[in-house]
Amino acid sequence: TTAKQERRRRPAGQIGIEYVPTTLITPHKFRKVLYDTPQRLRVSLYVEASARINVYIVDSPDIDRFKSGRTFKGEEFPEVKKLDREVRLPSDFYDEWYLVLENSSSAPVAVHYEVSF
């Protein structure tokens, strides 16, 4: 599986919401976005998709474990069309983490997501 990667950096200590335009994820692919881990270890996620997708939060050192299907440090939200929740990141998360949006279906899926710290 290949992925499109983006990097979203926010100056240390800055709190706010990041709005991302709707993106299309092709069949059997995923999009991963790298974020800095916030000091308070809490992020609010809002994801809305045109069909069910899998949403993951993956600690940056574990991204290769995730890609190979092994156990990874993070959170998993399988088969969601809409996700609106605050997530507490583990205290041993490194300085960066990935938001991974996976389309496991055979059709493209339009996805809109927002991340706030």
PDB file of N, CA and C in Angstrom:
ATOM      1  N   THR A   1       0.841  -1.183   0.000  1.00  0.00           N
ATOM      2  CA  THR A   1       0.000   0.000   0.000  1.00  0.00           C
ATOM      3  C   THR A   1       0.884   1.245   0.000  1.00  0.00           C
ATOM      4  N   THR A   2       0.562   2.158  -0.863  1.00  0.00           N
ATOM      5  CA  THR A   2       1.292   3.412  -0.886  1.00  0.00           C
ATOM      6  C   THR A   2       0.467   4.472  -0.187  1.00  0.00           C
ATOM      7  N   ALA A   3       1.103   5.557   0.154  1.00  0.00           N
ATOM      8  CA  ALA A   3       0.397   6.603   0.884  1.00  0.00           C
ATOM      9  C   ALA A   3       0.865   7.955   0.408  1.00  0.00           C
ATOM     10  N   LYS A   4      -0.009   8.908   0.563  1.00  0.00           N
ATOM     11  CA  LYS A   4       0.377  10.288   0.349  1.00  0.00           C
ATOM     12  C   LYS A   4       0.613  10.865   1.734  1.00  0.00           C
ATOM     13  N   GLN A   5       1.757  11.488   1.932  1.00  0.00           N
ATOM     14  CA  GLN A   5       2.083  12.035   3.244  1.00  0.00           C
ATOM     15  C   GLN A   5       2.107  13.548   3.185  1.00  0.00           C
ATOM     16  N   GLU A   6       1.569  14.134   4.216  1.00  0.00           N
ATOM     17  CA  GLU A   6       1.618  15.576   4.387  1.00  0.00           C
ATOM     18  C   GLU A   6       2.243  15.852   5.740  1.00  0.00           C
ATOM     19  N   ARG A   7       2.721  17.042   5.903  1.00  0.00           N
ATOM     20  CA  ARG A   7       3.289  17.422   7.190  1.00  0.00           C
ATOM     21  C   ARG A   7       2.594  18.684   7.662  1.00  0.00           C
ATOM     22  N   ARG A   8       2.081  18.645   8.846  1.00  0.00           N
ATOM     23  CA  ARG A   8       1.388  19.780   9.444  1.00  0.00           C
ATOM     24  C   ARG A   8       2.144  20.179  10.688  1.00  0.00           C
ATOM     25  N   ARG A   9       2.797  21.324  10.659  1.00  0.00           N
ATOM     26  CA  ARG A   9       3.547  21.793  11.818  1.00  0.00           C
ATOM     27  C   ARG A   9       2.852  23.005  12.395  1.00  0.00           C
ATOM     28  N   ARG A  10       2.852  23.073  13.682  1.00  0.00           N
ATOM     29  CA  ARG A  10       2.273  24.185  14.410  1.00  0.00           C
ATOM     30  C   ARG A  10       3.322  24.640  15.400  1.00  0.00           C
ATOM     31  N   PRO A  11       3.557  25.939  15.519  1.00  0.00           N
ATOM     32  CA  PRO A  11       4.549  26.407  16.483  1.00  0.00           C
ATOM     33  C   PRO A  11       4.247  25.877  17.884  1.00  0.00           C
ATOM     34  N   ALA A  12       5.289  25.607  18.642  1.00  0.00           N
ATOM     35  CA  ALA A  12       5.141  25.041  19.989  1.00  0.00           C
ATOM     36  C   ALA A  12       4.200  25.890  20.824  1.00  0.00           C
ATOM     37  N   GLY A  13       3.289  25.230  21.472  1.00  0.00           N
ATOM     38  CA  GLY A  13       2.366  25.914  22.367  1.00  0.00           C
ATOM     39  C   GLY A  13       1.176  26.553  21.686  1.00  0.00           C
ATOM     40  N   GLN A  14       1.125  26.590  20.361  1.00  0.00           N
ATOM     41  CA  GLN A  14       0.004  27.217  19.677  1.00  0.00           C
ATOM     42  C   GLN A  14      -1.199  26.295  19.723  1.00  0.00           C
ATOM     43  N   ILE A  15      -2.332  26.856  20.073  1.00  0.00           N
ATOM     44  CA  ILE A  15      -3.567  26.089  20.136  1.00  0.00           C
ATOM     45  C   ILE A  15      -4.467  26.606  19.030  1.00  0.00           C
ATOM     46  N   GLY A  16      -5.143  25.720  18.367  1.00  0.00           N
ATOM     47  CA  GLY A  16      -6.044  26.143  17.315  1.00  0.00           C
ATOM     48  C   GLY A  16      -6.589  24.964  16.553  1.00  0.00           C
ATOM     49  N   ILE A  17      -7.346  25.284  15.537  1.00  0.00           N
ATOM     50  CA  ILE A  17      -7.966  24.266  14.705  1.00  0.00           C
ATOM     51  C   ILE A  17      -7.349  24.334  13.328  1.00  0.00           C
ATOM     52  N   GLU A  18      -7.102  23.184  12.759  1.00  0.00           N
ATOM     53  CA  GLU A  18      -6.628  23.121  11.394  1.00  0.00           C
ATOM     54  C   GLU A  18      -7.740  22.549  10.533  1.00  0.00           C
ATOM     55  N   TYR A  19      -8.203  23.336   9.572  1.00  0.00           N
ATOM     56  CA  TYR A  19      -9.220  22.893   8.633  1.00  0.00           C
ATOM     57  C   TYR A  19      -8.518  22.434   7.369  1.00  0.00           C
ATOM     58  N   VAL A  20      -8.871  21.256   6.893  1.00  0.00           N
ATOM     59  CA  VAL A  20      -8.240  20.694   5.712  1.00  0.00           C
ATOM     60  C   VAL A  20      -9.316  20.511   4.651  1.00  0.00           C
ATOM     61  N   PRO A  21      -9.048  20.935   3.421  1.00  0.00           N
ATOM     62  CA  PRO A  21     -10.049  20.737   2.361  1.00  0.00           C
ATOM     63  C   PRO A  21     -10.363  19.254   2.176  1.00  0.00           C
ATOM     64  N   THR A  22     -11.536  18.981   1.651  1.00  0.00           N
ATOM     65  CA  THR A  22     -11.915  17.598   1.377  1.00  0.00           C
ATOM     66  C   THR A  22     -10.898  16.988   0.419  1.00  0.00           C
ATOM     67  N   THR A  23     -10.509  15.767   0.716  1.00  0.00           N
ATOM     68  CA  THR A  23      -9.515  15.068  -0.091  1.00  0.00           C
ATOM     69  C   THR A  23     -10.093  13.736  -0.547  1.00  0.00           C
ATOM     70  N   LEU A  24      -9.614  13.239  -1.655  1.00  0.00           N
ATOM     71  CA  LEU A  24     -10.077  11.965  -2.189  1.00  0.00           C
ATOM     72  C   LEU A  24      -9.002  10.913  -1.947  1.00  0.00           C
ATOM     73  N   ILE A  25      -9.406   9.808  -1.329  1.00  0.00           N
ATOM     74  CA  ILE A  25      -8.475   8.700  -1.088  1.00  0.00           C
ATOM     75  C   ILE A  25      -8.877   7.566  -2.020  1.00  0.00           C
ATOM     76  N   THR A  26      -7.946   7.142  -2.838  1.00  0.00           N
ATOM     77  CA  THR A  26      -8.229   6.111  -3.824  1.00  0.00           C
ATOM     78  C   THR A  26      -8.381   4.744  -3.151  1.00  0.00           C
ATOM     79  N   PRO A  27      -8.983   3.792  -3.872  1.00  0.00           N
ATOM     80  CA  PRO A  27      -9.229   2.466  -3.284  1.00  0.00           C
ATOM     81  C   PRO A  27      -7.949   1.785  -2.782  1.00  0.00           C
ATOM     82  N   HIS A  28      -8.070   1.166  -1.624  1.00  0.00           N
ATOM     83  CA  HIS A  28      -6.994   0.384  -1.012  1.00  0.00           C
ATOM     84  C   HIS A  28      -5.720   1.197  -0.762  1.00  0.00           C
ATOM     85  N   LYS A  29      -5.872   2.482  -0.467  1.00  0.00           N
ATOM     86  CA  LYS A  29      -4.745   3.370  -0.166  1.00  0.00           C
ATOM     87  C   LYS A  29      -5.031   4.096   1.144  1.00  0.00           C
ATOM     88  N   PHE A  30      -4.012   4.785   1.637  1.00  0.00           N
ATOM     89  CA  PHE A  30      -4.227   5.592   2.827  1.00  0.00           C
ATOM     90  C   PHE A  30      -3.486   6.908   2.697  1.00  0.00           C
ATOM     91  N   ARG A  31      -3.903   7.865   3.491  1.00  0.00           N
ATOM     92  CA  ARG A  31      -3.240   9.161   3.579  1.00  0.00           C
ATOM     93  C   ARG A  31      -2.749   9.296   5.004  1.00  0.00           C
ATOM     94  N   LYS A  32      -1.486   9.699   5.157  1.00  0.00           N
ATOM     95  CA  LYS A  32      -0.939   9.902   6.499  1.00  0.00           C
ATOM     96  C   LYS A  32      -0.469  11.336   6.615  1.00  0.00           C
ATOM     97  N   VAL A  33      -0.735  11.925   7.757  1.00  0.00           N
ATOM     98  CA  VAL A  33      -0.389  13.317   8.011  1.00  0.00           C
ATOM     99  C   VAL A  33       0.388  13.366   9.316  1.00  0.00           C
ATOM    100  N   LEU A  34       1.570  13.972   9.280  1.00  0.00           N
ATOM    101  CA  LEU A  34       2.442  14.043  10.448  1.00  0.00           C
ATOM    102  C   LEU A  34       2.161  15.316  11.236  1.00  0.00           C
ATOM    103  N   TYR A  35       1.975  15.175  12.541  1.00  0.00           N
ATOM    104  CA  TYR A  35       1.723  16.301  13.443  1.00  0.00           C
ATOM    105  C   TYR A  35       2.723  16.286  14.588  1.00  0.00           C
ATOM    106  N   ASP A  36       2.980  17.442  15.149  1.00  0.00           N
ATOM    107  CA  ASP A  36       3.737  17.540  16.396  1.00  0.00           C
ATOM    108  C   ASP A  36       2.828  17.118  17.539  1.00  0.00           C
ATOM    109  N   THR A  37       3.387  16.434  18.521  1.00  0.00           N
ATOM    110  CA  THR A  37       2.607  16.029  19.693  1.00  0.00           C
ATOM    111  C   THR A  37       2.396  17.248  20.588  1.00  0.00           C
ATOM    112  N   PRO A  38       1.132  17.583  20.894  1.00  0.00           N
ATOM    113  CA  PRO A  38       0.885  18.756  21.747  1.00  0.00           C
ATOM    114  C   PRO A  38       1.321  18.503  23.186  1.00  0.00           C
ATOM    115  N   GLN A  39       1.696  19.565  23.879  1.00  0.00           N
ATOM    116  CA  GLN A  39       2.170  19.439  25.257  1.00  0.00           C
ATOM    117  C   GLN A  39       1.126  18.815  26.169  1.00  0.00           C
ATOM    118  N   ARG A  40      -0.122  19.156  25.970  1.00  0.00           N
ATOM    119  CA  ARG A  40      -1.151  18.627  26.872  1.00  0.00           C
ATOM    120  C   ARG A  40      -1.654  17.242  26.468  1.00  0.00           C
ATOM    121  N   LEU A  41      -1.089  16.682  25.373  1.00  0.00           N
ATOM    122  CA  LEU A  41      -1.358  15.314  24.931  1.00  0.00           C
ATOM    123  C   LEU A  41      -2.824  15.056  24.584  1.00  0.00           C
ATOM    124  N   ARG A  42      -3.548  16.090  24.199  1.00  0.00           N
ATOM    125  CA  ARG A  42      -4.948  15.919  23.789  1.00  0.00           C
ATOM    126  C   ARG A  42      -5.142  16.536  22.417  1.00  0.00           C
ATOM    127  N   VAL A  43      -5.845  15.807  21.570  1.00  0.00           N
ATOM    128  CA  VAL A  43      -6.209  16.324  20.263  1.00  0.00           C
ATOM    129  C   VAL A  43      -7.689  16.046  20.032  1.00  0.00           C
ATOM    130  N   SER A  44      -8.339  16.969  19.379  1.00  0.00           N
ATOM    131  CA  SER A  44      -9.724  16.764  18.966  1.00  0.00           C
ATOM    132  C   SER A  44      -9.718  16.442  17.488  1.00  0.00           C
ATOM    133  N   LEU A  45     -10.409  15.374  17.137  1.00  0.00           N
ATOM    134  CA  LEU A  45     -10.485  14.934  15.751  1.00  0.00           C
ATOM    135  C   LEU A  45     -11.925  15.005  15.263  1.00  0.00           C
ATOM    136  N   TYR A  46     -12.075  15.505  14.069  1.00  0.00           N
ATOM    137  CA  TYR A  46     -13.360  15.447  13.390  1.00  0.00           C
ATOM    138  C   TYR A  46     -13.074  14.905  12.001  1.00  0.00           C
ATOM    139  N   VAL A  47     -13.683  13.778  11.665  1.00  0.00           N
ATOM    140  CA  VAL A  47     -13.497  13.144  10.365  1.00  0.00           C
ATOM    141  C   VAL A  47     -14.884  12.828   9.819  1.00  0.00           C
ATOM    142  N   GLU A  48     -15.091  13.178   8.564  1.00  0.00           N
ATOM    143  CA  GLU A  48     -16.334  12.837   7.891  1.00  0.00           C
ATOM    144  C   GLU A  48     -15.977  12.313   6.504  1.00  0.00           C
ATOM    145  N   ALA A  49     -16.534  11.151   6.148  1.00  0.00           N
ATOM    146  CA  ALA A  49     -16.181  10.498   4.892  1.00  0.00           C
ATOM    147  C   ALA A  49     -17.444  10.091   4.140  1.00  0.00           C
ATOM    148  N   SER A  50     -17.316   9.972   2.824  1.00  0.00           N
ATOM    149  CA  SER A  50     -18.459   9.582   1.995  1.00  0.00           C
ATOM    150  C   SER A  50     -18.775   8.090   2.113  1.00  0.00           C
ATOM    151  N   ALA A  51     -17.854   7.317   2.636  1.00  0.00           N
ATOM    152  CA  ALA A  51     -18.041   5.885   2.907  1.00  0.00           C
ATOM    153  C   ALA A  51     -17.174   5.540   4.110  1.00  0.00           C
ATOM    154  N   ARG A  52     -17.334   4.352   4.625  1.00  0.00           N
ATOM    155  CA  ARG A  52     -16.586   3.962   5.814  1.00  0.00           C
ATOM    156  C   ARG A  52     -15.080   3.896   5.529  1.00  0.00           C
ATOM    157  N   ILE A  53     -14.308   4.439   6.482  1.00  0.00           N
ATOM    158  CA  ILE A  53     -12.842   4.381   6.417  1.00  0.00           C
ATOM    159  C   ILE A  53     -12.325   3.951   7.782  1.00  0.00           C
ATOM    160  N   ASN A  54     -11.053   3.620   7.835  1.00  0.00           N
ATOM    161  CA  ASN A  54     -10.379   3.333   9.095  1.00  0.00           C
ATOM    162  C   ASN A  54      -9.519   4.540   9.450  1.00  0.00           C
ATOM    163  N   VAL A  55      -9.582   4.961  10.704  1.00  0.00           N
ATOM    164  CA  VAL A  55      -8.822   6.109  11.179  1.00  0.00           C
ATOM    165  C   VAL A  55      -7.870   5.620  12.259  1.00  0.00           C
ATOM    166  N   TYR A  56      -6.616   6.034  12.147  1.00  0.00           N
ATOM    167  CA  TYR A  56      -5.592   5.618  13.102  1.00  0.00           C
ATOM    168  C   TYR A  56      -4.808   6.829  13.594  1.00  0.00           C
ATOM    169  N   ILE A  57      -4.379   6.753  14.833  1.00  0.00           N
ATOM    170  CA  ILE A  57      -3.391   7.673  15.388  1.00  0.00           C
ATOM    171  C   ILE A  57      -2.188   6.796  15.713  1.00  0.00           C
ATOM    172  N   VAL A  58      -1.038   7.112  15.096  1.00  0.00           N
ATOM    173  CA  VAL A  58       0.137   6.245  15.201  1.00  0.00           C
ATOM    174  C   VAL A  58       1.335   7.059  15.681  1.00  0.00           C
ATOM    175  N   ASP A  59       2.002   6.586  16.717  1.00  0.00           N
ATOM    176  CA  ASP A  59       3.233   7.215  17.187  1.00  0.00           C
ATOM    177  C   ASP A  59       4.263   7.148  16.056  1.00  0.00           C
ATOM    178  N   SER A  60       4.975   8.240  15.802  1.00  0.00           N
ATOM    179  CA  SER A  60       5.848   8.302  14.621  1.00  0.00           C
ATOM    180  C   SER A  60       6.878   7.170  14.524  1.00  0.00           C
ATOM    181  N   PRO A  61       7.517   6.730  15.617  1.00  0.00           N
ATOM    182  CA  PRO A  61       8.479   5.625  15.466  1.00  0.00           C
ATOM    183  C   PRO A  61       7.825   4.301  15.052  1.00  0.00           C
ATOM    184  N   ASP A  62       6.504   4.187  15.221  1.00  0.00           N
ATOM    185  CA  ASP A  62       5.805   2.940  14.922  1.00  0.00           C
ATOM    186  C   ASP A  62       5.158   2.913  13.540  1.00  0.00           C
ATOM    187  N   ILE A  63       5.395   3.922  12.708  1.00  0.00           N
ATOM    188  CA  ILE A  63       4.706   3.967  11.415  1.00  0.00           C
ATOM    189  C   ILE A  63       5.061   2.774  10.529  1.00  0.00           C
ATOM    190  N   ASP A  64       6.292   2.295  10.581  1.00  0.00           N
ATOM    191  CA  ASP A  64       6.648   1.119   9.776  1.00  0.00           C
ATOM    192  C   ASP A  64       5.970  -0.140  10.304  1.00  0.00           C
ATOM    193  N   ARG A  65       5.823  -0.231  11.622  1.00  0.00           N
ATOM    194  CA  ARG A  65       5.092  -1.360  12.211  1.00  0.00           C
ATOM    195  C   ARG A  65       3.636  -1.331  11.741  1.00  0.00           C
ATOM    196  N   PHE A  66       3.038  -0.144  11.737  1.00  0.00           N
ATOM    197  CA  PHE A  66       1.659   0.014  11.271  1.00  0.00           C
ATOM    198  C   PHE A  66       1.543  -0.431   9.809  1.00  0.00           C
ATOM    199  N   LYS A  67       2.451   0.060   8.963  1.00  0.00           N
ATOM    200  CA  LYS A  67       2.378  -0.245   7.529  1.00  0.00           C
ATOM    201  C   LYS A  67       2.540  -1.735   7.250  1.00  0.00           C
ATOM    202  N   SER A  68       3.269  -2.434   8.103  1.00  0.00           N
ATOM    203  CA  SER A  68       3.462  -3.868   7.895  1.00  0.00           C
ATOM    204  C   SER A  68       2.401  -4.713   8.603  1.00  0.00           C
ATOM    205  N   GLY A  69       1.411  -4.056   9.225  1.00  0.00           N
ATOM    206  CA  GLY A  69       0.312  -4.784   9.846  1.00  0.00           C
ATOM    207  C   GLY A  69       0.592  -5.296  11.240  1.00  0.00           C
ATOM    208  N   ARG A  70       1.702  -4.857  11.839  1.00  0.00           N
ATOM    209  CA  ARG A  70       2.039  -5.310  13.191  1.00  0.00           C
ATOM    210  C   ARG A  70       1.424  -4.385  14.229  1.00  0.00           C
ATOM    211  N   THR A  71       1.514  -4.788  15.480  1.00  0.00           N
ATOM    212  CA  THR A  71       1.009  -3.989  16.592  1.00  0.00           C
ATOM    213  C   THR A  71       1.779  -2.682  16.660  1.00  0.00           C
ATOM    214  N   PHE A  72       1.065  -1.589  16.893  1.00  0.00           N
ATOM    215  CA  PHE A  72       1.680  -0.265  16.961  1.00  0.00           C
ATOM    216  C   PHE A  72       1.124   0.489  18.163  1.00  0.00           C
ATOM    217  N   LYS A  73       1.864   1.523  18.584  1.00  0.00           N
ATOM    218  CA  LYS A  73       1.412   2.363  19.682  1.00  0.00           C
ATOM    219  C   LYS A  73       0.486   3.433  19.108  1.00  0.00           C
ATOM    220  N   GLY A  74      -0.730   3.505  19.617  1.00  0.00           N
ATOM    221  CA  GLY A  74      -1.667   4.504  19.134  1.00  0.00           C
ATOM    222  C   GLY A  74      -3.110   4.078  19.316  1.00  0.00           C
ATOM    223  N   GLU A  75      -3.980   4.654  18.510  1.00  0.00           N
ATOM    224  CA  GLU A  75      -5.423   4.415  18.584  1.00  0.00           C
ATOM    225  C   GLU A  75      -5.933   3.964  17.225  1.00  0.00           C
ATOM    226  N   GLU A  76      -7.043   3.220  17.243  1.00  0.00           N
ATOM    227  CA  GLU A  76      -7.658   2.750  16.012  1.00  0.00           C
ATOM    228  C   GLU A  76      -9.161   2.963  16.091  1.00  0.00           C
ATOM    229  N   PHE A  77      -9.736   3.514  15.026  1.00  0.00           N
ATOM    230  CA  PHE A  77     -11.174   3.724  14.926  1.00  0.00           C
ATOM    231  C   PHE A  77     -11.620   3.098  13.602  1.00  0.00           C
ATOM    232  N   PRO A  78     -12.016   1.815  13.628  1.00  0.00           N
ATOM    233  CA  PRO A  78     -12.328   1.115  12.379  1.00  0.00           C
ATOM    234  C   PRO A  78     -13.717   1.436  11.842  1.00  0.00           C
ATOM    235  N   GLU A  79     -13.819   1.418  10.501  1.00  0.00           N
ATOM    236  CA  GLU A  79     -15.099   1.469   9.796  1.00  0.00           C
ATOM    237  C   GLU A  79     -15.987   2.637  10.221  1.00  0.00           C
ATOM    238  N   VAL A  80     -15.476   3.849  10.166  1.00  0.00           N
ATOM    239  CA  VAL A  80     -16.272   5.022  10.542  1.00  0.00           C
ATOM    240  C   VAL A  80     -16.576   5.883   9.324  1.00  0.00           C
ATOM    241  N   LYS A  81     -17.768   6.482   9.333  1.00  0.00           N
ATOM    242  CA  LYS A  81     -18.099   7.509   8.336  1.00  0.00           C
ATOM    243  C   LYS A  81     -17.971   8.882   8.965  1.00  0.00           C
ATOM    244  N   LYS A  82     -18.167   8.914  10.296  1.00  0.00           N
ATOM    245  CA  LYS A  82     -18.057  10.177  11.026  1.00  0.00           C
ATOM    246  C   LYS A  82     -17.422   9.889  12.375  1.00  0.00           C
ATOM    247  N   LEU A  83     -16.452  10.712  12.729  1.00  0.00           N
ATOM    248  CA  LEU A  83     -15.757  10.583  14.007  1.00  0.00           C
ATOM    249  C   LEU A  83     -15.583  11.983  14.567  1.00  0.00           C
ATOM    250  N   ASP A  84     -16.049  12.190  15.774  1.00  0.00           N
ATOM    251  CA  ASP A  84     -15.947  13.498  16.427  1.00  0.00           C
ATOM    252  C   ASP A  84     -15.635  13.234  17.886  1.00  0.00           C
ATOM    253  N   ARG A  85     -14.344  13.305  18.228  1.00  0.00           N
ATOM    254  CA  ARG A  85     -13.977  12.985  19.616  1.00  0.00           C
ATOM    255  C   ARG A  85     -12.644  13.588  19.991  1.00  0.00           C
ATOM    256  N   GLU A  86     -12.465  13.719  21.305  1.00  0.00           N
ATOM    257  CA  GLU A  86     -11.174  14.133  21.838  1.00  0.00           C
ATOM    258  C   GLU A  86     -10.396  12.867  22.183  1.00  0.00           C
ATOM    259  N   VAL A  87      -9.136  12.850  21.803  1.00  0.00           N
ATOM    260  CA  VAL A  87      -8.285  11.685  22.035  1.00  0.00           C
ATOM    261  C   VAL A  87      -7.132  12.111  22.928  1.00  0.00           C
ATOM    262  N   ARG A  88      -6.892  11.338  23.971  1.00  0.00           N
ATOM    263  CA  ARG A  88      -5.733  11.569  24.838  1.00  0.00           C
ATOM    264  C   ARG A  88      -4.606  10.695  24.337  1.00  0.00           C
ATOM    265  N   LEU A  89      -3.520  11.332  23.929  1.00  0.00           N
ATOM    266  CA  LEU A  89      -2.361  10.591  23.450  1.00  0.00           C
ATOM    267  C   LEU A  89      -1.603  10.004  24.640  1.00  0.00           C
ATOM    268  N   PRO A  90      -1.016   8.831  24.488  1.00  0.00           N
ATOM    269  CA  PRO A  90      -0.245   8.250  25.582  1.00  0.00           C
ATOM    270  C   PRO A  90       0.910   9.164  25.989  1.00  0.00           C
ATOM    271  N   SER A  91       1.236   9.165  27.265  1.00  0.00           N
ATOM    272  CA  SER A  91       2.290  10.056  27.770  1.00  0.00           C
ATOM    273  C   SER A  91       3.666   9.701  27.212  1.00  0.00           C
ATOM    274  N   ASP A  92       3.835   8.477  26.709  1.00  0.00           N
ATOM    275  CA  ASP A  92       5.132   8.101  26.142  1.00  0.00           C
ATOM    276  C   ASP A  92       5.186   8.262  24.622  1.00  0.00           C
ATOM    277  N   PHE A  93       4.202   8.980  24.047  1.00  0.00           N
ATOM    278  CA  PHE A  93       4.277   9.300  22.622  1.00  0.00           C
ATOM    279  C   PHE A  93       5.490  10.187  22.390  1.00  0.00           C
ATOM    280  N   TYR A  94       6.123  10.021  21.242  1.00  0.00           N
ATOM    281  CA  TYR A  94       7.289  10.839  20.902  1.00  0.00           C
ATOM    282  C   TYR A  94       6.844  12.229  20.487  1.00  0.00           C
ATOM    283  N   ASP A  95       7.744  12.984  19.903  1.00  0.00           N
ATOM    284  CA  ASP A  95       7.465  14.373  19.548  1.00  0.00           C
ATOM    285  C   ASP A  95       6.485  14.516  18.394  1.00  0.00           C
ATOM    286  N   GLU A  96       6.272  13.450  17.631  1.00  0.00           N
ATOM    287  CA  GLU A  96       5.398  13.532  16.470  1.00  0.00           C
ATOM    288  C   GLU A  96       4.504  12.297  16.388  1.00  0.00           C
ATOM    289  N   TRP A  97       3.369  12.456  15.716  1.00  0.00           N
ATOM    290  CA  TRP A  97       2.434  11.361  15.514  1.00  0.00           C
ATOM    291  C   TRP A  97       1.775  11.514  14.150  1.00  0.00           C
ATOM    292  N   TYR A  98       1.226  10.419  13.662  1.00  0.00           N
ATOM    293  CA  TYR A  98       0.546  10.416  12.376  1.00  0.00           C
ATOM    294  C   TYR A  98      -0.953  10.229  12.556  1.00  0.00           C
ATOM    295  N   LEU A  99      -1.709  11.001  11.785  1.00  0.00           N
ATOM    296  CA  LEU A  99      -3.118  10.719  11.562  1.00  0.00           C
ATOM    297  C   LEU A  99      -3.150   9.947  10.248  1.00  0.00           C
ATOM    298  N   VAL A 100      -3.712   8.741  10.276  1.00  0.00           N
ATOM    299  CA  VAL A 100      -3.770   7.901   9.079  1.00  0.00           C
ATOM    300  C   VAL A 100      -5.231   7.655   8.748  1.00  0.00           C
ATOM    301  N   LEU A 101      -5.596   7.958   7.503  1.00  0.00           N
ATOM    302  CA  LEU A 101      -6.948   7.745   6.992  1.00  0.00           C
ATOM    303  C   LEU A 101      -6.849   6.680   5.914  1.00  0.00           C
ATOM    304  N   GLU A 102      -7.466   5.521   6.147  1.00  0.00           N
ATOM    305  CA  GLU A 102      -7.313   4.381   5.245  1.00  0.00           C
ATOM    306  C   GLU A 102      -8.626   4.047   4.544  1.00  0.00           C
ATOM    307  N   ASN A 103      -8.558   3.942   3.241  1.00  0.00           N
ATOM    308  CA  ASN A 103      -9.700   3.509   2.443  1.00  0.00           C
ATOM    309  C   ASN A 103      -9.469   2.054   2.052  1.00  0.00           C
ATOM    310  N   SER A 104     -10.158   1.143   2.707  1.00  0.00           N
ATOM    311  CA  SER A 104      -9.981  -0.278   2.405  1.00  0.00           C
ATOM    312  C   SER A 104     -11.015  -0.786   1.400  1.00  0.00           C
ATOM    313  N   SER A 105     -11.830   0.114   0.863  1.00  0.00           N
ATOM    314  CA  SER A 105     -12.862  -0.291  -0.093  1.00  0.00           C
ATOM    315  C   SER A 105     -12.328  -0.294  -1.522  1.00  0.00           C
ATOM    316  N   SER A 106     -13.176  -0.697  -2.450  1.00  0.00           N
ATOM    317  CA  SER A 106     -12.780  -0.752  -3.859  1.00  0.00           C
ATOM    318  C   SER A 106     -13.218   0.484  -4.646  1.00  0.00           C
ATOM    319  N   ALA A 107     -13.692   1.512  -3.943  1.00  0.00           N
ATOM    320  CA  ALA A 107     -14.115   2.760  -4.592  1.00  0.00           C
ATOM    321  C   ALA A 107     -13.445   3.942  -3.898  1.00  0.00           C
ATOM    322  N   PRO A 108     -13.229   5.043  -4.616  1.00  0.00           N
ATOM    323  CA  PRO A 108     -12.662   6.238  -3.969  1.00  0.00           C
ATOM    324  C   PRO A 108     -13.588   6.763  -2.879  1.00  0.00           C
ATOM    325  N   VAL A 109     -12.988   7.389  -1.861  1.00  0.00           N
ATOM    326  CA  VAL A 109     -13.759   7.962  -0.751  1.00  0.00           C
ATOM    327  C   VAL A 109     -13.323   9.402  -0.548  1.00  0.00           C
ATOM    328  N   ALA A 110     -14.300  10.296  -0.471  1.00  0.00           N
ATOM    329  CA  ALA A 110     -14.025  11.706  -0.159  1.00  0.00           C
ATOM    330  C   ALA A 110     -13.988  11.842   1.361  1.00  0.00           C
ATOM    331  N   VAL A 111     -12.939  12.521   1.866  1.00  0.00           N
ATOM    332  CA  VAL A 111     -12.752  12.644   3.318  1.00  0.00           C
ATOM    333  C   VAL A 111     -12.452  14.098   3.674  1.00  0.00           C
ATOM    334  N   HIS A 112     -13.113  14.568   4.703  1.00  0.00           N
ATOM    335  CA  HIS A 112     -12.827  15.880   5.283  1.00  0.00           C
ATOM    336  C   HIS A 112     -12.427  15.624   6.733  1.00  0.00           C
ATOM    337  N   TYR A 113     -11.363  16.289   7.178  1.00  0.00           N
ATOM    338  CA  TYR A 113     -10.955  16.118   8.575  1.00  0.00           C
ATOM    339  C   TYR A 113     -10.467  17.429   9.148  1.00  0.00           C
ATOM    340  N   GLU A 114     -10.603  17.553  10.458  1.00  0.00           N
ATOM    341  CA  GLU A 114     -10.132  18.714  11.212  1.00  0.00           C
ATOM    342  C   GLU A 114      -9.413  18.196  12.452  1.00  0.00           C
ATOM    343  N   VAL A 115      -8.317  18.853  12.776  1.00  0.00           N
ATOM    344  CA  VAL A 115      -7.539  18.480  13.959  1.00  0.00           C
ATOM    345  C   VAL A 115      -7.332  19.741  14.785  1.00  0.00           C
ATOM    346  N   SER A 116      -7.621  19.659  16.067  1.00  0.00           N
ATOM    347  CA  SER A 116      -7.349  20.805  16.940  1.00  0.00           C
ATOM    348  C   SER A 116      -6.617  20.328  18.177  1.00  0.00           C
ATOM    349  N   PHE A 117      -5.768  21.213  18.675  1.00  0.00           N
ATOM    350  CA  PHE A 117      -4.942  20.907  19.868  1.00  0.00           C
ATOM    351  C   PHE A 117      -5.431  21.734  21.022  1.00  0.00           C
TER     352      PHE A 117
END
